[in-house]
N, C-alpha and C. Protein backbone atom coordinates (compact mmCIF):
# COMPACT_ATOMS: atom_id res chain seq x y z
N MET A 1 4.18 -6.59 8.07
CA MET A 1 4.07 -7.86 7.38
C MET A 1 5.44 -8.26 6.86
N GLN A 2 5.86 -9.41 7.30
CA GLN A 2 7.20 -9.89 6.99
C GLN A 2 7.24 -10.60 5.63
N GLY A 3 8.32 -10.40 4.90
CA GLY A 3 8.58 -11.18 3.72
C GLY A 3 7.89 -10.77 2.44
N ILE A 4 7.11 -9.70 2.47
CA ILE A 4 6.48 -9.23 1.24
C ILE A 4 6.71 -7.73 1.09
N GLU A 5 6.81 -7.32 -0.17
CA GLU A 5 7.05 -5.91 -0.47
C GLU A 5 5.90 -5.04 0.01
N ALA A 6 6.22 -3.79 0.30
CA ALA A 6 5.22 -2.85 0.82
C ALA A 6 4.08 -2.62 -0.15
N ASN A 7 4.35 -2.73 -1.45
CA ASN A 7 3.28 -2.49 -2.42
C ASN A 7 2.65 -3.79 -2.93
N THR A 8 2.75 -4.85 -2.16
CA THR A 8 2.10 -6.11 -2.52
C THR A 8 0.59 -5.92 -2.49
N ALA A 9 -0.07 -6.32 -3.58
CA ALA A 9 -1.52 -6.15 -3.68
C ALA A 9 -2.25 -7.35 -3.09
N LEU A 10 -3.34 -7.06 -2.40
CA LEU A 10 -4.27 -8.09 -1.94
C LEU A 10 -5.38 -8.17 -2.97
N ILE A 11 -5.60 -9.36 -3.52
CA ILE A 11 -6.65 -9.57 -4.51
C ILE A 11 -7.70 -10.49 -3.89
N VAL A 12 -8.91 -9.96 -3.73
CA VAL A 12 -10.02 -10.68 -3.08
C VAL A 12 -10.98 -11.13 -4.18
N ILE A 13 -11.04 -12.44 -4.40
CA ILE A 13 -11.74 -12.98 -5.56
C ILE A 13 -13.10 -13.57 -5.20
N ASP A 14 -14.15 -13.04 -5.80
CA ASP A 14 -15.49 -13.65 -5.85
C ASP A 14 -16.09 -14.01 -4.51
N VAL A 15 -15.96 -13.16 -3.53
CA VAL A 15 -16.56 -13.43 -2.22
C VAL A 15 -17.97 -12.82 -2.26
N GLN A 16 -18.88 -13.58 -2.85
CA GLN A 16 -20.21 -13.08 -3.17
C GLN A 16 -21.30 -13.88 -2.47
N GLU A 17 -22.41 -13.21 -2.21
CA GLU A 17 -23.53 -13.78 -1.46
C GLU A 17 -24.03 -15.09 -2.06
N GLY A 18 -24.07 -15.19 -3.36
CA GLY A 18 -24.61 -16.37 -4.03
C GLY A 18 -23.83 -17.64 -3.77
N LEU A 19 -22.60 -17.50 -3.30
CA LEU A 19 -21.80 -18.69 -2.99
C LEU A 19 -22.20 -19.33 -1.67
N ASP A 20 -23.16 -18.72 -0.97
CA ASP A 20 -23.70 -19.32 0.25
C ASP A 20 -24.90 -20.23 -0.04
N GLU A 21 -25.31 -20.33 -1.30
CA GLU A 21 -26.47 -21.14 -1.66
C GLU A 21 -26.08 -22.62 -1.75
N VAL A 22 -26.20 -23.31 -0.62
CA VAL A 22 -25.81 -24.71 -0.52
C VAL A 22 -26.55 -25.58 -1.53
N GLY A 23 -27.79 -25.27 -1.80
CA GLY A 23 -28.57 -26.06 -2.75
C GLY A 23 -27.99 -26.01 -4.15
N TYR A 24 -27.29 -24.96 -4.48
CA TYR A 24 -26.69 -24.83 -5.81
C TYR A 24 -25.27 -25.37 -5.84
N TRP A 25 -24.48 -25.02 -4.82
CA TRP A 25 -23.05 -25.34 -4.83
C TRP A 25 -22.69 -26.61 -4.07
N GLY A 26 -23.44 -26.95 -3.04
CA GLY A 26 -23.10 -28.10 -2.22
C GLY A 26 -22.40 -27.68 -0.93
N THR A 27 -21.75 -28.65 -0.30
CA THR A 27 -21.09 -28.44 0.99
C THR A 27 -19.72 -27.80 0.78
N ARG A 28 -19.39 -26.88 1.67
CA ARG A 28 -18.14 -26.12 1.57
C ARG A 28 -17.21 -26.42 2.73
N ASN A 29 -15.93 -26.27 2.50
CA ASN A 29 -14.95 -26.37 3.58
C ASN A 29 -14.64 -24.98 4.13
N ASN A 30 -13.80 -24.93 5.12
CA ASN A 30 -13.23 -23.72 5.69
C ASN A 30 -14.25 -22.59 5.96
N PRO A 31 -15.13 -22.79 6.92
CA PRO A 31 -16.11 -21.76 7.23
C PRO A 31 -15.49 -20.46 7.77
N ASP A 32 -14.22 -20.48 8.16
CA ASP A 32 -13.55 -19.29 8.67
C ASP A 32 -12.85 -18.48 7.58
N ALA A 33 -12.98 -18.87 6.33
CA ALA A 33 -12.26 -18.20 5.24
C ALA A 33 -12.55 -16.70 5.20
N GLU A 34 -13.82 -16.33 5.27
CA GLU A 34 -14.17 -14.91 5.18
C GLU A 34 -13.62 -14.11 6.35
N ALA A 35 -13.62 -14.69 7.54
CA ALA A 35 -13.05 -14.00 8.71
C ALA A 35 -11.56 -13.74 8.50
N ASN A 36 -10.85 -14.71 7.92
CA ASN A 36 -9.43 -14.52 7.64
C ASN A 36 -9.22 -13.49 6.53
N MET A 37 -10.10 -13.49 5.53
CA MET A 37 -10.02 -12.45 4.50
C MET A 37 -10.21 -11.08 5.12
N ALA A 38 -11.16 -10.97 6.04
CA ALA A 38 -11.41 -9.69 6.70
C ALA A 38 -10.20 -9.23 7.50
N ARG A 39 -9.51 -10.16 8.15
CA ARG A 39 -8.29 -9.82 8.89
C ARG A 39 -7.22 -9.30 7.95
N LEU A 40 -7.07 -9.95 6.82
CA LEU A 40 -6.08 -9.50 5.83
C LEU A 40 -6.46 -8.13 5.28
N LEU A 41 -7.72 -7.94 4.96
CA LEU A 41 -8.17 -6.63 4.48
C LEU A 41 -7.87 -5.53 5.50
N ALA A 42 -8.14 -5.80 6.76
CA ALA A 42 -7.88 -4.81 7.80
C ALA A 42 -6.39 -4.46 7.86
N ALA A 43 -5.54 -5.47 7.76
CA ALA A 43 -4.09 -5.22 7.78
C ALA A 43 -3.65 -4.42 6.56
N TRP A 44 -4.17 -4.78 5.39
CA TRP A 44 -3.82 -4.04 4.16
C TRP A 44 -4.31 -2.60 4.25
N ARG A 45 -5.52 -2.40 4.74
CA ARG A 45 -6.07 -1.04 4.85
C ARG A 45 -5.27 -0.23 5.87
N ASP A 46 -4.91 -0.86 6.98
CA ASP A 46 -4.15 -0.16 8.02
C ASP A 46 -2.80 0.32 7.49
N GLN A 47 -2.19 -0.47 6.62
CA GLN A 47 -0.88 -0.11 6.07
C GLN A 47 -0.98 0.56 4.70
N LYS A 48 -2.20 0.86 4.28
CA LYS A 48 -2.45 1.56 3.01
C LYS A 48 -1.79 0.85 1.82
N ARG A 49 -1.93 -0.46 1.82
CA ARG A 49 -1.43 -1.28 0.71
C ARG A 49 -2.53 -1.41 -0.34
N PRO A 50 -2.16 -1.72 -1.58
CA PRO A 50 -3.17 -1.83 -2.64
C PRO A 50 -4.08 -3.05 -2.48
N ILE A 51 -5.36 -2.83 -2.76
CA ILE A 51 -6.39 -3.87 -2.65
C ILE A 51 -7.21 -3.85 -3.94
N PHE A 52 -7.51 -5.04 -4.46
CA PHE A 52 -8.37 -5.18 -5.62
C PHE A 52 -9.43 -6.23 -5.31
N HIS A 53 -10.69 -5.88 -5.56
CA HIS A 53 -11.80 -6.81 -5.39
C HIS A 53 -12.21 -7.31 -6.76
N ILE A 54 -12.44 -8.61 -6.86
CA ILE A 54 -12.88 -9.22 -8.11
C ILE A 54 -14.29 -9.74 -7.90
N GLN A 55 -15.15 -9.46 -8.87
CA GLN A 55 -16.56 -9.86 -8.78
C GLN A 55 -16.92 -10.66 -10.02
N HIS A 56 -17.42 -11.87 -9.81
CA HIS A 56 -17.82 -12.72 -10.94
C HIS A 56 -19.21 -12.32 -11.42
N MET A 57 -19.32 -12.06 -12.70
CA MET A 57 -20.58 -11.70 -13.34
C MET A 57 -20.98 -12.89 -14.22
N SER A 58 -21.60 -13.89 -13.63
CA SER A 58 -21.85 -15.14 -14.33
C SER A 58 -22.74 -14.95 -15.55
N THR A 59 -22.42 -15.69 -16.59
CA THR A 59 -23.26 -15.73 -17.79
C THR A 59 -24.09 -17.01 -17.83
N ASN A 60 -23.93 -17.87 -16.81
CA ASN A 60 -24.71 -19.09 -16.71
C ASN A 60 -26.13 -18.71 -16.28
N PRO A 61 -27.14 -19.06 -17.06
CA PRO A 61 -28.51 -18.63 -16.72
C PRO A 61 -29.04 -19.19 -15.40
N ASN A 62 -28.40 -20.22 -14.85
CA ASN A 62 -28.84 -20.80 -13.58
C ASN A 62 -28.04 -20.33 -12.38
N SER A 63 -26.98 -19.61 -12.59
CA SER A 63 -26.07 -19.24 -11.51
C SER A 63 -26.64 -18.14 -10.61
N PRO A 64 -26.45 -18.29 -9.29
CA PRO A 64 -26.84 -17.21 -8.38
C PRO A 64 -25.90 -16.01 -8.46
N LEU A 65 -24.83 -16.11 -9.25
CA LEU A 65 -23.87 -15.00 -9.38
C LEU A 65 -24.14 -14.14 -10.61
N ARG A 66 -25.29 -14.32 -11.23
CA ARG A 66 -25.63 -13.49 -12.39
C ARG A 66 -25.81 -12.04 -11.96
N PRO A 67 -25.46 -11.11 -12.84
CA PRO A 67 -25.68 -9.69 -12.54
C PRO A 67 -27.16 -9.43 -12.22
N HIS A 68 -27.40 -8.48 -11.36
CA HIS A 68 -28.74 -8.02 -10.97
C HIS A 68 -29.49 -9.00 -10.06
N LEU A 69 -28.82 -10.09 -9.65
CA LEU A 69 -29.42 -10.97 -8.65
C LEU A 69 -28.78 -10.66 -7.29
N PRO A 70 -29.50 -10.88 -6.20
CA PRO A 70 -28.92 -10.61 -4.88
C PRO A 70 -27.62 -11.38 -4.62
N GLY A 71 -27.50 -12.58 -5.18
CA GLY A 71 -26.31 -13.39 -4.99
C GLY A 71 -25.06 -12.83 -5.63
N ASN A 72 -25.21 -11.88 -6.52
CA ASN A 72 -24.06 -11.27 -7.18
C ASN A 72 -23.31 -10.30 -6.26
N ALA A 73 -23.97 -9.84 -5.20
CA ALA A 73 -23.37 -8.85 -4.30
C ALA A 73 -22.16 -9.39 -3.57
N ILE A 74 -21.16 -8.55 -3.39
CA ILE A 74 -19.99 -8.90 -2.58
C ILE A 74 -20.43 -8.93 -1.12
N LYS A 75 -19.98 -9.95 -0.39
CA LYS A 75 -20.36 -10.10 1.01
C LYS A 75 -19.88 -8.90 1.83
N ALA A 76 -20.70 -8.48 2.78
CA ALA A 76 -20.41 -7.31 3.60
C ALA A 76 -19.09 -7.44 4.36
N VAL A 77 -18.73 -8.64 4.80
CA VAL A 77 -17.53 -8.84 5.61
C VAL A 77 -16.27 -8.45 4.85
N VAL A 78 -16.31 -8.47 3.52
CA VAL A 78 -15.14 -8.11 2.71
C VAL A 78 -15.47 -7.01 1.70
N ALA A 79 -16.54 -6.29 1.93
CA ALA A 79 -16.99 -5.28 0.98
C ALA A 79 -15.93 -4.21 0.75
N PRO A 80 -15.83 -3.74 -0.49
CA PRO A 80 -14.89 -2.66 -0.79
C PRO A 80 -15.20 -1.41 0.03
N GLN A 81 -14.14 -0.71 0.37
CA GLN A 81 -14.27 0.56 1.09
C GLN A 81 -13.57 1.65 0.29
N GLY A 82 -14.09 2.87 0.42
CA GLY A 82 -13.45 4.01 -0.22
C GLY A 82 -13.30 3.80 -1.71
N ASP A 83 -12.08 4.01 -2.19
CA ASP A 83 -11.83 3.91 -3.63
C ASP A 83 -11.21 2.57 -4.04
N GLU A 84 -11.38 1.54 -3.22
CA GLU A 84 -10.87 0.21 -3.58
C GLU A 84 -11.59 -0.26 -4.84
N PRO A 85 -10.85 -0.59 -5.90
CA PRO A 85 -11.49 -0.97 -7.15
C PRO A 85 -12.16 -2.33 -7.11
N VAL A 86 -13.26 -2.43 -7.85
CA VAL A 86 -13.95 -3.69 -8.09
C VAL A 86 -13.80 -3.98 -9.58
N ILE A 87 -13.18 -5.11 -9.88
CA ILE A 87 -12.97 -5.51 -11.26
C ILE A 87 -13.91 -6.67 -11.54
N GLN A 88 -14.75 -6.50 -12.54
CA GLN A 88 -15.73 -7.53 -12.87
C GLN A 88 -15.19 -8.44 -13.98
N LYS A 89 -15.50 -9.74 -13.84
CA LYS A 89 -15.05 -10.74 -14.81
C LYS A 89 -16.19 -11.70 -15.13
N THR A 90 -16.05 -12.41 -16.25
CA THR A 90 -17.07 -13.38 -16.64
C THR A 90 -16.50 -14.80 -16.78
N VAL A 91 -15.19 -14.95 -16.54
CA VAL A 91 -14.53 -16.26 -16.63
C VAL A 91 -13.79 -16.50 -15.32
N ASN A 92 -13.12 -17.66 -15.21
CA ASN A 92 -12.45 -18.00 -13.96
C ASN A 92 -11.29 -17.08 -13.62
N SER A 93 -10.50 -16.68 -14.60
CA SER A 93 -9.32 -15.87 -14.32
C SER A 93 -9.66 -14.40 -14.12
N ALA A 94 -9.09 -13.82 -13.08
CA ALA A 94 -9.26 -12.38 -12.84
C ALA A 94 -8.49 -11.54 -13.86
N PHE A 95 -7.66 -12.19 -14.68
CA PHE A 95 -6.84 -11.47 -15.65
C PHE A 95 -7.43 -11.47 -17.06
N ILE A 96 -8.31 -12.41 -17.37
CA ILE A 96 -8.85 -12.53 -18.73
C ILE A 96 -10.02 -11.57 -18.89
N GLY A 97 -9.94 -10.71 -19.90
CA GLY A 97 -11.03 -9.78 -20.19
C GLY A 97 -11.14 -8.64 -19.20
N THR A 98 -10.10 -8.43 -18.38
CA THR A 98 -10.10 -7.33 -17.41
C THR A 98 -8.81 -6.52 -17.56
N ASP A 99 -8.74 -5.44 -16.83
CA ASP A 99 -7.51 -4.62 -16.84
C ASP A 99 -6.68 -4.82 -15.58
N LEU A 100 -6.88 -5.95 -14.89
CA LEU A 100 -6.15 -6.20 -13.65
C LEU A 100 -4.64 -6.16 -13.87
N GLU A 101 -4.13 -6.86 -14.87
CA GLU A 101 -2.69 -6.87 -15.11
C GLU A 101 -2.16 -5.46 -15.36
N ALA A 102 -2.86 -4.70 -16.17
CA ALA A 102 -2.43 -3.32 -16.47
C ALA A 102 -2.45 -2.46 -15.22
N ARG A 103 -3.45 -2.63 -14.38
CA ARG A 103 -3.51 -1.85 -13.13
C ARG A 103 -2.35 -2.19 -12.21
N LEU A 104 -2.05 -3.49 -12.10
CA LEU A 104 -0.94 -3.91 -11.25
C LEU A 104 0.38 -3.33 -11.77
N HIS A 105 0.64 -3.51 -13.06
CA HIS A 105 1.87 -2.97 -13.63
C HIS A 105 1.90 -1.44 -13.52
N GLY A 106 0.76 -0.81 -13.72
CA GLY A 106 0.68 0.65 -13.65
C GLY A 106 1.03 1.20 -12.27
N GLN A 107 0.83 0.39 -11.24
CA GLN A 107 1.16 0.80 -9.87
C GLN A 107 2.50 0.23 -9.41
N GLY A 108 3.24 -0.37 -10.34
CA GLY A 108 4.55 -0.93 -10.00
C GLY A 108 4.48 -2.12 -9.07
N ILE A 109 3.37 -2.83 -9.08
CA ILE A 109 3.17 -3.98 -8.19
C ILE A 109 3.81 -5.21 -8.82
N GLU A 110 4.65 -5.88 -8.04
CA GLU A 110 5.31 -7.09 -8.51
C GLU A 110 4.90 -8.34 -7.74
N SER A 111 4.19 -8.15 -6.61
CA SER A 111 3.76 -9.27 -5.77
C SER A 111 2.27 -9.14 -5.46
N VAL A 112 1.61 -10.30 -5.43
CA VAL A 112 0.18 -10.33 -5.11
C VAL A 112 -0.11 -11.41 -4.08
N VAL A 113 -1.08 -11.14 -3.24
CA VAL A 113 -1.62 -12.11 -2.30
C VAL A 113 -3.06 -12.35 -2.72
N ILE A 114 -3.40 -13.61 -2.97
CA ILE A 114 -4.72 -13.96 -3.48
C ILE A 114 -5.51 -14.72 -2.42
N VAL A 115 -6.75 -14.26 -2.21
CA VAL A 115 -7.70 -14.91 -1.31
C VAL A 115 -9.05 -14.97 -2.02
N GLY A 116 -9.97 -15.78 -1.51
CA GLY A 116 -11.31 -15.75 -2.08
C GLY A 116 -11.90 -17.12 -2.34
N LEU A 117 -12.87 -17.13 -3.24
CA LEU A 117 -13.65 -18.31 -3.56
C LEU A 117 -13.67 -18.52 -5.08
N THR A 118 -13.61 -19.69 -5.53
CA THR A 118 -13.33 -20.92 -4.84
C THR A 118 -11.90 -21.35 -5.16
N THR A 119 -11.34 -22.13 -4.23
CA THR A 119 -9.92 -22.49 -4.30
C THR A 119 -9.56 -23.10 -5.64
N ASN A 120 -10.32 -24.08 -6.09
CA ASN A 120 -9.97 -24.83 -7.29
C ASN A 120 -10.50 -24.24 -8.58
N HIS A 121 -11.18 -23.14 -8.51
CA HIS A 121 -11.68 -22.50 -9.73
C HIS A 121 -11.02 -21.14 -9.91
N CYS A 122 -11.68 -20.09 -9.48
CA CYS A 122 -11.20 -18.75 -9.78
C CYS A 122 -9.92 -18.38 -9.03
N VAL A 123 -9.76 -18.86 -7.81
CA VAL A 123 -8.52 -18.59 -7.07
C VAL A 123 -7.35 -19.27 -7.77
N GLU A 124 -7.49 -20.57 -8.03
CA GLU A 124 -6.39 -21.30 -8.65
C GLU A 124 -6.07 -20.78 -10.05
N THR A 125 -7.08 -20.53 -10.85
CA THR A 125 -6.86 -20.04 -12.21
C THR A 125 -6.15 -18.69 -12.18
N SER A 126 -6.59 -17.81 -11.31
CA SER A 126 -5.98 -16.48 -11.21
C SER A 126 -4.55 -16.56 -10.68
N ALA A 127 -4.31 -17.45 -9.71
CA ALA A 127 -2.96 -17.61 -9.17
C ALA A 127 -2.01 -18.17 -10.22
N ARG A 128 -2.46 -19.14 -10.99
CA ARG A 128 -1.63 -19.68 -12.06
C ARG A 128 -1.26 -18.59 -13.06
N MET A 129 -2.23 -17.80 -13.44
CA MET A 129 -1.96 -16.73 -14.40
C MET A 129 -1.05 -15.68 -13.80
N ALA A 130 -1.27 -15.32 -12.55
CA ALA A 130 -0.40 -14.33 -11.90
C ALA A 130 1.05 -14.81 -11.92
N GLY A 131 1.25 -16.08 -11.57
CA GLY A 131 2.59 -16.65 -11.61
C GLY A 131 3.17 -16.64 -13.00
N ASN A 132 2.37 -17.05 -13.98
CA ASN A 132 2.84 -17.07 -15.36
C ASN A 132 3.13 -15.68 -15.90
N LEU A 133 2.43 -14.68 -15.40
CA LEU A 133 2.66 -13.30 -15.83
C LEU A 133 3.85 -12.66 -15.13
N GLY A 134 4.47 -13.40 -14.20
CA GLY A 134 5.69 -12.92 -13.56
C GLY A 134 5.50 -12.26 -12.21
N PHE A 135 4.29 -12.28 -11.68
CA PHE A 135 4.06 -11.73 -10.35
C PHE A 135 4.51 -12.74 -9.30
N ARG A 136 5.17 -12.25 -8.25
CA ARG A 136 5.44 -13.09 -7.09
C ARG A 136 4.09 -13.29 -6.42
N THR A 137 3.64 -14.54 -6.35
CA THR A 137 2.25 -14.83 -5.99
C THR A 137 2.17 -15.65 -4.72
N PHE A 138 1.28 -15.22 -3.83
CA PHE A 138 0.98 -15.94 -2.60
C PHE A 138 -0.52 -16.27 -2.61
N VAL A 139 -0.87 -17.46 -2.18
CA VAL A 139 -2.26 -17.85 -1.98
C VAL A 139 -2.41 -18.20 -0.51
N VAL A 140 -3.44 -17.67 0.12
CA VAL A 140 -3.64 -17.85 1.55
C VAL A 140 -4.61 -19.01 1.79
N ALA A 141 -4.06 -20.12 2.27
CA ALA A 141 -4.82 -21.37 2.40
C ALA A 141 -6.06 -21.23 3.27
N ASP A 142 -5.94 -20.52 4.39
CA ASP A 142 -7.09 -20.42 5.30
C ASP A 142 -7.98 -19.22 4.99
N ALA A 143 -7.72 -18.55 3.87
CA ALA A 143 -8.58 -17.45 3.41
C ALA A 143 -9.12 -17.79 2.01
N THR A 144 -9.24 -19.10 1.76
CA THR A 144 -9.85 -19.62 0.54
C THR A 144 -10.72 -20.80 0.94
N ALA A 145 -11.63 -21.17 0.07
CA ALA A 145 -12.51 -22.31 0.35
C ALA A 145 -13.09 -22.81 -0.96
N THR A 146 -13.64 -24.02 -0.90
CA THR A 146 -14.29 -24.59 -2.09
C THR A 146 -15.42 -25.53 -1.67
N PHE A 147 -15.94 -26.25 -2.64
CA PHE A 147 -17.11 -27.10 -2.44
C PHE A 147 -16.80 -28.55 -2.82
N ASP A 148 -17.62 -29.46 -2.29
CA ASP A 148 -17.55 -30.86 -2.69
C ASP A 148 -17.76 -30.94 -4.21
N ARG A 149 -17.17 -31.97 -4.81
CA ARG A 149 -17.32 -32.17 -6.26
C ARG A 149 -17.52 -33.66 -6.54
N THR A 150 -18.14 -33.94 -7.65
CA THR A 150 -18.25 -35.31 -8.16
C THR A 150 -17.50 -35.35 -9.48
N GLY A 151 -16.60 -36.30 -9.60
CA GLY A 151 -15.78 -36.43 -10.80
C GLY A 151 -16.58 -36.98 -11.98
N PHE A 152 -15.94 -36.98 -13.14
CA PHE A 152 -16.57 -37.46 -14.37
C PHE A 152 -17.03 -38.91 -14.27
N ASP A 153 -16.35 -39.66 -13.39
CA ASP A 153 -16.67 -41.09 -13.24
C ASP A 153 -17.60 -41.37 -12.07
N GLY A 154 -18.14 -40.31 -11.46
CA GLY A 154 -19.05 -40.46 -10.34
C GLY A 154 -18.39 -40.50 -8.98
N THR A 155 -17.05 -40.41 -8.95
CA THR A 155 -16.35 -40.43 -7.67
C THR A 155 -16.60 -39.12 -6.93
N TYR A 156 -16.95 -39.24 -5.65
CA TYR A 156 -17.21 -38.09 -4.79
C TYR A 156 -15.90 -37.61 -4.16
N TYR A 157 -15.67 -36.31 -4.21
CA TYR A 157 -14.49 -35.70 -3.60
C TYR A 157 -14.94 -34.63 -2.61
N PRO A 158 -14.64 -34.79 -1.32
CA PRO A 158 -15.03 -33.78 -0.34
C PRO A 158 -14.27 -32.47 -0.57
N ALA A 159 -14.89 -31.39 -0.17
CA ALA A 159 -14.31 -30.05 -0.36
C ALA A 159 -12.91 -29.95 0.21
N GLU A 160 -12.68 -30.54 1.37
CA GLU A 160 -11.36 -30.43 1.99
C GLU A 160 -10.29 -31.08 1.11
N THR A 161 -10.62 -32.17 0.45
CA THR A 161 -9.67 -32.81 -0.47
C THR A 161 -9.43 -31.95 -1.69
N ILE A 162 -10.49 -31.43 -2.27
CA ILE A 162 -10.37 -30.54 -3.44
C ILE A 162 -9.48 -29.35 -3.08
N HIS A 163 -9.74 -28.74 -1.94
CA HIS A 163 -9.00 -27.58 -1.44
C HIS A 163 -7.51 -27.92 -1.30
N ALA A 164 -7.22 -29.02 -0.63
CA ALA A 164 -5.83 -29.41 -0.37
C ALA A 164 -5.08 -29.71 -1.66
N VAL A 165 -5.72 -30.40 -2.58
CA VAL A 165 -5.06 -30.74 -3.85
C VAL A 165 -4.83 -29.48 -4.70
N ALA A 166 -5.79 -28.58 -4.73
CA ALA A 166 -5.61 -27.34 -5.48
C ALA A 166 -4.42 -26.55 -4.93
N LEU A 167 -4.35 -26.44 -3.60
CA LEU A 167 -3.23 -25.70 -2.99
C LEU A 167 -1.91 -26.41 -3.23
N ALA A 168 -1.90 -27.74 -3.16
CA ALA A 168 -0.68 -28.50 -3.42
C ALA A 168 -0.22 -28.31 -4.86
N SER A 169 -1.16 -28.22 -5.78
CA SER A 169 -0.81 -28.01 -7.19
C SER A 169 -0.20 -26.63 -7.43
N LEU A 170 -0.59 -25.66 -6.66
CA LEU A 170 -0.07 -24.30 -6.80
C LEU A 170 1.29 -24.11 -6.13
N HIS A 171 1.45 -24.71 -4.96
CA HIS A 171 2.60 -24.41 -4.10
C HIS A 171 3.93 -24.77 -4.76
N ASP A 172 4.84 -23.81 -4.71
CA ASP A 172 6.20 -23.93 -5.25
C ASP A 172 6.24 -24.10 -6.76
N GLU A 173 5.11 -23.92 -7.42
CA GLU A 173 5.07 -23.98 -8.88
C GLU A 173 4.59 -22.64 -9.43
N PHE A 174 3.39 -22.24 -9.05
CA PHE A 174 2.81 -20.98 -9.50
C PHE A 174 2.77 -19.95 -8.38
N ALA A 175 2.81 -20.42 -7.14
CA ALA A 175 2.62 -19.53 -5.99
C ALA A 175 3.28 -20.14 -4.76
N THR A 176 3.33 -19.34 -3.72
CA THR A 176 3.70 -19.82 -2.40
C THR A 176 2.43 -19.83 -1.57
N VAL A 177 2.09 -20.99 -1.03
CA VAL A 177 0.88 -21.09 -0.21
C VAL A 177 1.27 -20.80 1.23
N VAL A 178 0.50 -19.90 1.84
CA VAL A 178 0.75 -19.46 3.21
C VAL A 178 -0.56 -19.46 3.98
N LYS A 179 -0.47 -19.15 5.27
CA LYS A 179 -1.67 -18.96 6.10
C LYS A 179 -1.75 -17.48 6.50
N THR A 180 -2.92 -17.08 6.94
CA THR A 180 -3.13 -15.68 7.34
C THR A 180 -2.10 -15.22 8.34
N ASP A 181 -1.85 -16.03 9.37
CA ASP A 181 -0.90 -15.63 10.40
C ASP A 181 0.54 -15.50 9.88
N ASP A 182 0.87 -16.20 8.79
CA ASP A 182 2.18 -16.05 8.19
C ASP A 182 2.39 -14.63 7.68
N LEU A 183 1.30 -13.99 7.28
CA LEU A 183 1.38 -12.65 6.71
C LEU A 183 1.19 -11.56 7.74
N ILE A 184 0.28 -11.77 8.69
CA ILE A 184 -0.03 -10.67 9.62
C ILE A 184 0.18 -11.03 11.09
N GLY A 185 0.53 -12.27 11.38
CA GLY A 185 0.80 -12.63 12.77
C GLY A 185 -0.43 -12.75 13.63
């Protein structure tokens, strides 16, 4: 992998079964996101690089991501293997209320690659914090995805627009936005 340190961590955020519930979340972009995440995981595992899985433990009583519901499970395509840690969170940021930052510093990790769901929520919030905490941060555009949204004024925004704007807001400010092939060819 070109351009990133050997101990760069891959952080896989909230790739959980409940995010497939279209009736709850709406229409999603980038149906290939999980396949690209799986490619990145395979490359990281092959090179024995650090991997961290993040799992959202929703406190919203209506969310399919609540603990003990089937939707809380991490999808099989990106499921942790061996001793890969799973860090559970209850807010958007993978750093708030968790020991992720301490684990990264404890392993001498200075760079992170972030993938997962959803682009404009937990991925973006975690990437902003990673950048603010001083980590060299990459977000993989084709290994993230989000859902359609309706604004406060009733304006409809398609998922692809939400995705593109979130990535544009991150790029060259909090993170470097790349594609899967940029990292693994």
